[in-house]
Amino acid sequence: MYHIRYPSQYRKNSLDILPQNSKSKRKIRASFLSADFIPQEKKNIPMPRQDVSFLHFLEPGTWYFSIINDDSTSVGISFLPSLARDVPTSCPNNCHHHGNCHLGKCHCFPGYIGHDCADSVCPVHCSGNGRYVQGSCRCETGWKGTECNVPVTECEVNDCNNQGICVAGKCKCRPGYKGNHCEGVDCLDPFCAGHGACVNGQCWCKTGWRGVNCSEADNRLSRCFPDCNKHGVYDLESERCICFDHWAGPDCSRAKCGLDCGNNGQCEEGRCRCDNGWSGARCDQKTCDDRCHDHGQCNNGTCVCVQGWMGTHCTLEGCPDTCGGESKGHCVQEDGQWSCRCRDGWGGRDCKTKQETNCADDKDNDSGA
């Protein structure tokens, strides 16, 4: 008995066994494509001649064959390769699209038979509203169902299993049911309020929750959990407080604030707490030095002085004691600087010093004599 193994280690190995006593030619077919082959060598050892042939389909490329003799007697081998040009590569009628073509032979899909898969085992007419393709009906536009016998405007199960109503060809299930035909049992709240899982129509709640839809806190266990300042509930799964609306913080002790305090403050307890150097309801106004408030007003970080005062913080008095009053002088601003402009007979920085006005009257007006 001879073993023919092919191809080499570069391809997937395959094995054919040729009986030694075979008198007739034997064809062996495999699922490879034909390719040119040039033998590496021929070996001739005297022995009674026996003709054995095999047919294999190989992909394009270089192939190596090994012929193994598992008998105790030496055998001469003459290996004569040739191309088989009569092997069909196409199938009759392309299998009518009811099967796959493989090496000239149709392999029919379920429901079809024949050499070209033309015959249906059980004729399915799809109610005249579709085509039977690969074991199922492909419905034309406007029809649906396994037999294409239901208009798209109707439900395949008209009464939706008495658990819903048919609307525009689709079942709208009542609470507690689900599925295309409302055939499945569902929970009243499929999400179980986020605190459980729906199994066979029933909510299975996580530890710490109870109720039909797991929306109620289990007070029997709450005394063992942090009370979250009574502004939230403790979630065992995340091991943290889940705060109610308008409350925040790891223990839900901080009231939420919806104010926009910008980059210069933080919202706390419903109002903005501004950083140093900023003020205003939204912390959008720069503050001034405290000295500004004595003789000026702060305008977004700039101290605007009242009449007679100067300097960055309005601490420089330009018109001392209001220039002695209206009878002696008045305060004026020139080139951004305040100063007293004295009336006739008065002088000095504050216009409180008498001046000689008539030198010919022999009176000392300076001293008031």
Protein backbone atom coordinates (compact mmCIF):
# COMPACT_ATOMS: atom_id res chain seq x y z
CA MET A 1 0.00 0.00 0.00
CA TYR A 2 1.34 3.41 -0.99
CA HIS A 3 0.76 6.69 0.83
CA ILE A 4 0.93 9.88 -1.21
CA ARG A 5 1.29 12.94 0.97
CA TYR A 6 1.10 16.46 -0.44
CA PRO A 7 1.92 19.26 -0.43
CA SER A 8 5.03 20.34 1.55
CA GLN A 9 5.31 22.01 4.92
CA TYR A 10 4.40 25.25 3.23
CA ARG A 11 0.86 24.08 2.56
CA LYS A 12 -1.74 22.09 4.44
CA ASN A 13 -0.92 18.38 4.21
CA SER A 14 -3.31 15.96 2.56
CA LEU A 15 -3.09 12.17 2.27
CA ASP A 16 -4.34 9.60 -0.26
CA ILE A 17 -3.92 5.83 0.14
CA LEU A 18 -3.47 3.81 -3.07
CA PRO A 19 -4.06 0.03 -2.83
CA GLN A 20 -1.18 -1.98 -4.23
CA ASN A 21 -3.28 -4.56 -6.09
CA SER A 22 -5.42 -2.09 -7.98
CA LYS A 23 -5.48 -3.02 -11.68
CA SER A 24 -7.64 -0.17 -12.89
CA LYS A 25 -7.06 3.51 -12.87
CA ARG A 26 -8.37 5.29 -9.80
CA LYS A 27 -9.28 8.95 -9.70
CA ILE A 28 -9.08 10.82 -6.42
CA ARG A 29 -10.71 14.26 -6.33
CA ALA A 30 -10.07 16.96 -3.78
CA SER A 31 -11.13 20.55 -3.24
CA PHE A 32 -8.13 22.34 -4.75
CA LEU A 33 -7.80 24.27 -7.99
CA SER A 34 -5.66 22.88 -10.80
CA ALA A 35 -2.13 24.19 -11.30
CA ASP A 36 0.98 23.45 -13.33
CA PHE A 37 3.26 20.91 -11.75
CA ILE A 38 6.75 19.83 -12.70
CA PRO A 39 8.08 16.67 -10.99
CA GLN A 40 11.32 16.88 -9.11
CA GLU A 41 12.59 13.43 -9.97
CA LYS A 42 11.66 9.96 -11.18
CA LYS A 43 12.69 6.76 -9.47
CA ASN A 44 12.70 3.39 -11.20
CA ILE A 45 13.03 0.16 -9.27
CA PRO A 46 12.31 -3.17 -11.09
CA MET A 47 8.95 -4.60 -10.03
CA PRO A 48 5.72 -5.86 -11.65
CA ARG A 49 4.07 -2.86 -13.31
CA GLN A 50 0.88 -1.54 -11.77
CA ASP A 51 -0.95 1.56 -13.00
CA VAL A 52 -2.60 3.73 -10.38
CA SER A 53 -3.81 7.23 -11.12
CA PHE A 54 -5.18 10.00 -8.96
CA LEU A 55 -6.54 13.47 -9.63
CA HIS A 56 -5.94 16.41 -7.34
CA PHE A 57 -6.71 20.12 -7.66
CA LEU A 58 -3.92 22.45 -6.57
CA GLU A 59 -3.73 26.19 -6.18
CA PRO A 60 -1.16 28.03 -8.31
CA GLY A 61 2.37 27.74 -6.93
CA THR A 62 5.13 25.24 -6.20
CA TRP A 63 4.14 21.89 -4.68
CA TYR A 64 6.11 18.96 -3.26
CA PHE A 65 4.96 15.33 -3.12
CA SER A 66 6.23 12.49 -0.98
CA ILE A 67 5.40 8.85 -1.77
CA ILE A 68 5.74 6.47 1.16
CA ASN A 69 5.87 2.66 0.89
CA ASP A 70 4.78 0.99 4.14
CA ASP A 71 5.37 -2.50 2.72
CA SER A 72 8.46 -4.59 3.53
CA THR A 73 9.29 -5.01 -0.18
CA SER A 74 11.04 -2.34 -2.19
CA VAL A 75 8.94 -0.89 -4.99
CA GLY A 76 9.93 1.05 -8.09
CA ILE A 77 8.02 4.22 -8.79
CA SER A 78 7.45 6.06 -12.05
CA PHE A 79 5.68 9.37 -11.43
CA LEU A 80 4.17 10.98 -14.55
CA PRO A 81 2.23 14.23 -13.82
CA SER A 82 -0.12 15.81 -16.35
CA LEU A 83 -2.81 18.48 -16.49
CA ALA A 84 -6.45 17.39 -16.34
CA ARG A 85 -8.27 19.71 -18.71
CA ASP A 86 -11.68 18.03 -18.63
CA VAL A 87 -12.63 18.98 -15.06
CA PRO A 88 -15.73 21.23 -15.04
CA THR A 89 -15.47 24.55 -13.20
CA SER A 90 -19.08 25.75 -13.49
CA CYS A 91 -22.41 24.25 -12.50
CA PRO A 92 -25.53 23.79 -14.61
CA ASN A 93 -27.83 26.81 -14.55
CA ASN A 94 -25.69 28.26 -11.75
CA CYS A 95 -27.66 25.97 -9.40
CA HIS A 96 -30.68 28.24 -9.99
CA HIS A 97 -29.32 30.31 -7.08
CA HIS A 98 -30.62 27.57 -4.79
CA GLY A 99 -27.21 26.17 -3.87
CA ASN A 100 -23.43 26.56 -3.94
CA CYS A 101 -21.30 25.46 -6.89
CA HIS A 102 -18.26 23.39 -5.95
CA LEU A 103 -16.00 21.71 -8.55
CA GLY A 104 -18.79 21.55 -11.07
CA LYS A 105 -21.34 20.09 -8.70
CA CYS A 106 -24.31 21.82 -7.05
CA HIS A 107 -24.66 21.57 -3.28
CA CYS A 108 -28.30 22.52 -2.78
CA PHE A 109 -29.69 24.64 0.04
CA PRO A 110 -32.22 23.03 2.38
CA GLY A 111 -35.53 22.61 0.59
CA TYR A 112 -34.05 22.04 -2.88
CA ILE A 113 -32.85 18.95 -4.74
CA GLY A 114 -31.69 17.97 -8.20
CA HIS A 115 -28.44 18.19 -10.13
CA ASP A 116 -29.07 21.93 -10.61
CA CYS A 117 -31.13 22.51 -7.41
CA ALA A 118 -34.20 23.35 -9.52
CA ASP A 119 -36.66 21.16 -7.63
CA SER A 120 -38.22 22.17 -4.30
CA VAL A 121 -38.69 19.40 -1.75
CA CYS A 122 -41.80 21.08 -0.29
CA PRO A 123 -43.10 23.75 -2.67
CA VAL A 124 -43.52 27.08 -0.87
CA HIS A 125 -45.28 29.75 -2.85
CA CYS A 126 -44.95 32.58 -0.27
CA SER A 127 -48.63 33.35 -0.84
CA GLY A 128 -47.75 34.82 -4.20
CA ASN A 129 -46.25 37.86 -2.45
CA GLY A 130 -42.59 36.88 -2.35
CA ARG A 131 -39.82 34.50 -3.39
CA TYR A 132 -38.53 31.46 -1.56
CA VAL A 133 -34.76 31.94 -1.22
CA GLN A 134 -32.36 29.81 0.84
CA GLY A 135 -35.04 28.27 3.00
CA SER A 136 -37.26 31.28 3.72
CA CYS A 137 -39.65 33.67 2.00
CA ARG A 138 -38.35 37.03 0.81
CA CYS A 139 -41.47 39.20 0.81
CA GLU A 140 -42.29 41.89 -1.69
CA THR A 141 -42.87 45.47 -0.59
CA GLY A 142 -46.06 45.79 1.39
CA TRP A 143 -46.06 42.24 2.81
CA LYS A 144 -44.51 40.44 5.76
CA GLY A 145 -44.70 37.20 7.72
CA THR A 146 -43.16 33.76 7.25
CA GLU A 147 -45.52 33.12 4.29
CA CYS A 148 -45.70 36.77 3.12
CA ASN A 149 -49.42 36.67 3.84
CA VAL A 150 -49.69 39.64 6.25
CA PRO A 151 -49.93 43.26 5.00
CA VAL A 152 -47.36 45.54 6.61
CA THR A 153 -50.19 47.66 8.02
CA GLU A 154 -51.42 44.72 10.10
CA CYS A 155 -49.84 42.76 12.95
CA GLU A 156 -48.85 39.13 12.43
CA VAL A 157 -50.72 38.35 15.66
CA ASN A 158 -53.85 40.44 15.35
CA ASP A 159 -54.73 40.58 19.05
CA CYS A 160 -51.09 40.93 20.20
CA ASN A 161 -51.77 37.97 22.50
CA ASN A 162 -54.38 40.08 24.31
CA GLN A 163 -51.55 42.01 25.95
CA GLY A 164 -51.39 45.00 23.63
CA ILE A 165 -52.92 46.76 20.66
CA CYS A 166 -51.89 46.76 17.00
CA VAL A 167 -50.87 50.21 15.75
CA ALA A 168 -49.62 50.68 12.19
CA GLY A 169 -48.59 47.05 11.92
CA LYS A 170 -46.72 46.88 15.25
CA CYS A 171 -47.87 45.65 18.64
CA LYS A 172 -47.75 48.24 21.40
CA CYS A 173 -47.63 46.19 24.59
CA ARG A 174 -49.22 47.20 27.84
CA PRO A 175 -46.98 47.54 30.91
CA GLY A 176 -45.69 44.19 32.05
CA TYR A 177 -45.33 42.65 28.59
CA LYS A 178 -42.81 42.83 25.77
CA GLY A 179 -41.86 41.26 22.44
CA ASN A 180 -42.86 41.73 18.80
CA HIS A 181 -46.22 40.15 19.59
CA CYS A 182 -46.36 41.01 23.33
CA GLU A 183 -45.65 37.37 24.01
CA GLY A 184 -43.06 37.94 26.75
CA VAL A 185 -43.52 38.89 30.39
CA ASP A 186 -41.79 42.11 31.40
CA CYS A 187 -41.45 44.22 34.52
CA LEU A 188 -43.65 47.27 34.95
CA ASP A 189 -40.40 49.22 35.02
CA PRO A 190 -37.91 47.28 32.85
CA PHE A 191 -35.02 49.20 34.47
CA CYS A 192 -36.25 48.60 38.04
CA ALA A 193 -35.57 52.26 38.89
CA GLY A 194 -31.87 51.62 38.35
CA HIS A 195 -31.69 49.65 41.60
CA GLY A 196 -32.29 46.11 40.38
CA ALA A 197 -32.65 43.73 37.45
CA CYS A 198 -35.75 42.48 35.68
CA VAL A 199 -35.90 38.66 35.61
CA ASN A 200 -38.94 36.86 34.18
CA GLY A 201 -41.15 39.86 34.73
CA GLN A 202 -40.07 40.53 38.31
CA CYS A 203 -37.63 43.11 39.66
CA TRP A 204 -34.86 41.69 41.83
CA CYS A 205 -33.65 44.60 43.94
CA LYS A 206 -30.14 45.39 45.08
CA THR A 207 -29.38 45.43 48.78
CA GLY A 208 -30.83 48.54 50.33
CA TRP A 209 -33.81 48.79 47.98
CA ARG A 210 -37.26 47.25 47.92
CA GLY A 211 -40.66 47.57 46.26
CA VAL A 212 -42.23 46.31 43.05
CA ASN A 213 -39.82 48.36 40.95
CA CYS A 214 -37.01 48.73 43.55
CA SER A 215 -37.74 52.43 44.00
CA GLU A 216 -38.16 52.35 47.80
CA ALA A 217 -35.24 52.57 50.18
CA ASP A 218 -35.12 49.62 52.56
CA ASN A 219 -35.35 51.40 55.89
CA ARG A 220 -34.63 48.19 57.73
CA LEU A 221 -31.01 48.53 56.64
CA SER A 222 -30.72 52.29 56.45
CA ARG A 223 -29.85 52.63 60.12
CA CYS A 224 -26.62 50.79 59.36
CA PHE A 225 -25.67 53.17 56.54
CA PRO A 226 -24.55 56.80 56.58
CA ASP A 227 -27.63 59.03 56.67
CA CYS A 228 -26.18 61.42 54.03
CA ASN A 229 -27.43 64.31 56.22
CA LYS A 230 -30.96 63.29 55.23
CA HIS A 231 -30.32 64.90 51.86
CA GLY A 232 -29.67 61.65 49.99
CA VAL A 233 -29.50 57.86 50.23
CA TYR A 234 -26.48 55.62 50.59
CA ASP A 235 -25.84 53.33 47.60
CA LEU A 236 -24.24 50.05 48.58
CA GLU A 237 -22.98 49.22 45.12
CA SER A 238 -20.99 52.43 44.68
CA GLU A 239 -20.47 52.86 48.44
CA ARG A 240 -21.33 56.55 48.34
CA CYS A 241 -24.18 58.94 49.01
CA ILE A 242 -26.56 59.60 46.14
CA CYS A 243 -27.75 63.13 46.86
CA PHE A 244 -31.23 64.45 46.25
CA ASP A 245 -31.78 67.42 43.95
CA HIS A 246 -30.25 70.71 45.11
CA TRP A 247 -27.70 68.96 47.35
CA ALA A 248 -24.10 67.96 46.72
CA GLY A 249 -20.92 66.82 48.41
CA PRO A 250 -19.68 63.40 49.55
CA ASP A 251 -22.16 63.48 52.46
CA CYS A 252 -24.83 65.60 50.69
CA SER A 253 -24.26 68.43 53.16
CA ARG A 254 -23.66 71.21 50.64
CA ALA A 255 -26.57 72.94 48.96
CA LYS A 256 -26.21 73.18 45.23
CA CYS A 257 -25.87 76.64 43.74
CA GLY A 258 -27.01 77.48 40.26
CA LEU A 259 -25.15 80.81 40.09
CA ASP A 260 -22.30 81.38 37.68
CA CYS A 261 -19.49 82.84 39.77
CA GLY A 262 -17.01 82.81 36.91
CA ASN A 263 -13.32 82.18 37.55
CA ASN A 264 -13.10 84.45 40.59
CA GLY A 265 -15.43 82.78 43.06
CA GLN A 266 -17.40 79.73 44.10
CA CYS A 267 -21.09 79.25 44.61
CA GLU A 268 -21.94 78.22 48.15
CA GLU A 269 -25.32 78.08 49.84
CA GLY A 270 -27.03 79.97 47.06
CA ARG A 271 -24.57 82.84 46.69
CA CYS A 272 -21.13 83.57 45.29
CA ARG A 273 -18.16 83.59 47.64
CA CYS A 274 -15.57 85.70 45.86
CA ASP A 275 -11.80 85.28 45.88
CA ASN A 276 -9.60 87.98 47.37
CA GLY A 277 -9.55 91.07 45.20
CA TRP A 278 -13.00 90.46 43.69
CA SER A 279 -16.52 91.43 44.65
CA GLY A 280 -20.02 91.68 43.23
CA ALA A 281 -22.97 89.32 43.04
CA ARG A 282 -21.12 87.26 40.39
CA CYS A 283 -17.54 88.03 41.57
CA ASP A 284 -16.95 90.02 38.39
CA GLN A 285 -15.86 93.32 39.97
CA LYS A 286 -12.33 94.09 41.12
CA THR A 287 -12.01 95.52 44.62
CA CYS A 288 -10.08 98.65 45.71
CA ASP A 289 -7.90 99.44 48.69
CA ASP A 290 -9.92 100.09 51.83
CA ARG A 291 -8.58 103.68 51.94
CA CYS A 292 -10.49 104.45 48.76
CA HIS A 293 -13.79 104.44 50.60
CA ASP A 294 -12.82 107.51 52.71
CA HIS A 295 -12.63 110.00 49.83
CA GLY A 296 -13.62 108.08 46.73
CA GLN A 297 -15.65 105.34 45.14
CA CYS A 298 -14.40 102.05 43.74
CA ASN A 299 -15.21 101.36 40.08
CA ASN A 300 -14.03 97.83 39.10
CA GLY A 301 -10.66 98.20 40.80
CA THR A 302 -10.15 101.94 40.15
CA CYS A 303 -10.65 104.48 42.94
CA VAL A 304 -12.58 107.52 41.66
CA CYS A 305 -11.87 110.44 44.03
CA VAL A 306 -14.31 113.06 45.21
CA GLN A 307 -13.55 116.72 44.56
CA GLY A 308 -10.35 117.89 46.20
CA TRP A 309 -8.75 114.49 46.67
CA MET A 310 -6.11 112.75 44.57
CA GLY A 311 -3.86 109.72 44.43
CA THR A 312 -4.33 106.03 43.63
CA HIS A 313 -6.35 105.51 46.78
CA CYS A 314 -7.67 109.14 47.07
CA THR A 315 -5.49 109.83 50.11
CA LEU A 316 -3.85 113.06 48.88
CA GLU A 317 -5.75 116.21 49.81
CA GLY A 318 -5.53 118.78 47.03
CA CYS A 319 -7.87 121.38 48.54
CA PRO A 320 -7.40 121.45 52.31
CA ASP A 321 -10.46 122.40 54.34
CA THR A 322 -12.33 123.19 51.12
CA CYS A 323 -10.09 126.22 50.51
CA GLY A 324 -11.48 128.14 53.51
CA GLY A 325 -14.97 128.27 52.14
CA GLU A 326 -16.57 130.08 49.22
CA SER A 327 -15.56 133.54 50.56
CA LYS A 328 -11.86 132.81 50.47
CA GLY A 329 -11.33 130.44 47.52
CA HIS A 330 -12.58 127.48 45.56
CA CYS A 331 -11.16 124.14 44.52
CA VAL A 332 -10.19 123.65 40.83
CA GLN A 333 -8.63 120.80 38.84
CA GLU A 334 -5.86 121.39 36.35
CA ASP A 335 -4.01 118.64 34.51
CA GLY A 336 -5.61 116.10 36.79
CA GLN A 337 -4.44 117.82 39.94
CA TRP A 338 -6.68 119.54 42.50
CA SER A 339 -5.64 122.83 44.14
CA CYS A 340 -7.13 125.93 45.77
CA ARG A 341 -7.66 129.06 43.72
CA CYS A 342 -7.86 131.88 46.28
CA ARG A 343 -9.94 135.06 46.00
CA ASP A 344 -8.38 138.57 46.21
CA GLY A 345 -6.98 139.25 49.67
CA TRP A 346 -6.43 135.61 50.48
CA GLY A 347 -3.52 133.28 49.87
CA GLY A 348 -1.82 130.16 51.00
CA ARG A 349 -2.41 126.49 50.18
CA ASP A 350 -5.81 126.57 51.88
CA CYS A 351 -6.63 130.26 51.09
CA LYS A 352 -6.74 131.11 54.80
CA THR A 353 -3.83 133.60 54.81
CA LYS A 354 -4.68 137.34 54.44
CA GLN A 355 -2.71 139.29 51.90
CA GLU A 356 -1.91 143.03 51.55
CA THR A 357 -4.22 144.44 48.95
CA ASN A 358 -3.55 148.21 49.25
CA CYS A 359 -0.05 149.31 50.14
CA ALA A 360 -0.89 153.04 49.96
CA ASP A 361 -3.44 153.15 52.80
CA ASP A 362 -0.84 152.84 55.52
CA LYS A 363 -2.76 149.85 56.92
CA ASP A 364 -1.45 146.41 57.57
CA ASN A 365 -4.10 144.34 55.85
CA ASP A 366 -2.07 141.16 56.32
CA SER A 367 -2.70 141.18 60.05
CA GLY A 368 -6.20 142.54 59.83
CA ALA A 369 -5.21 145.87 61.61
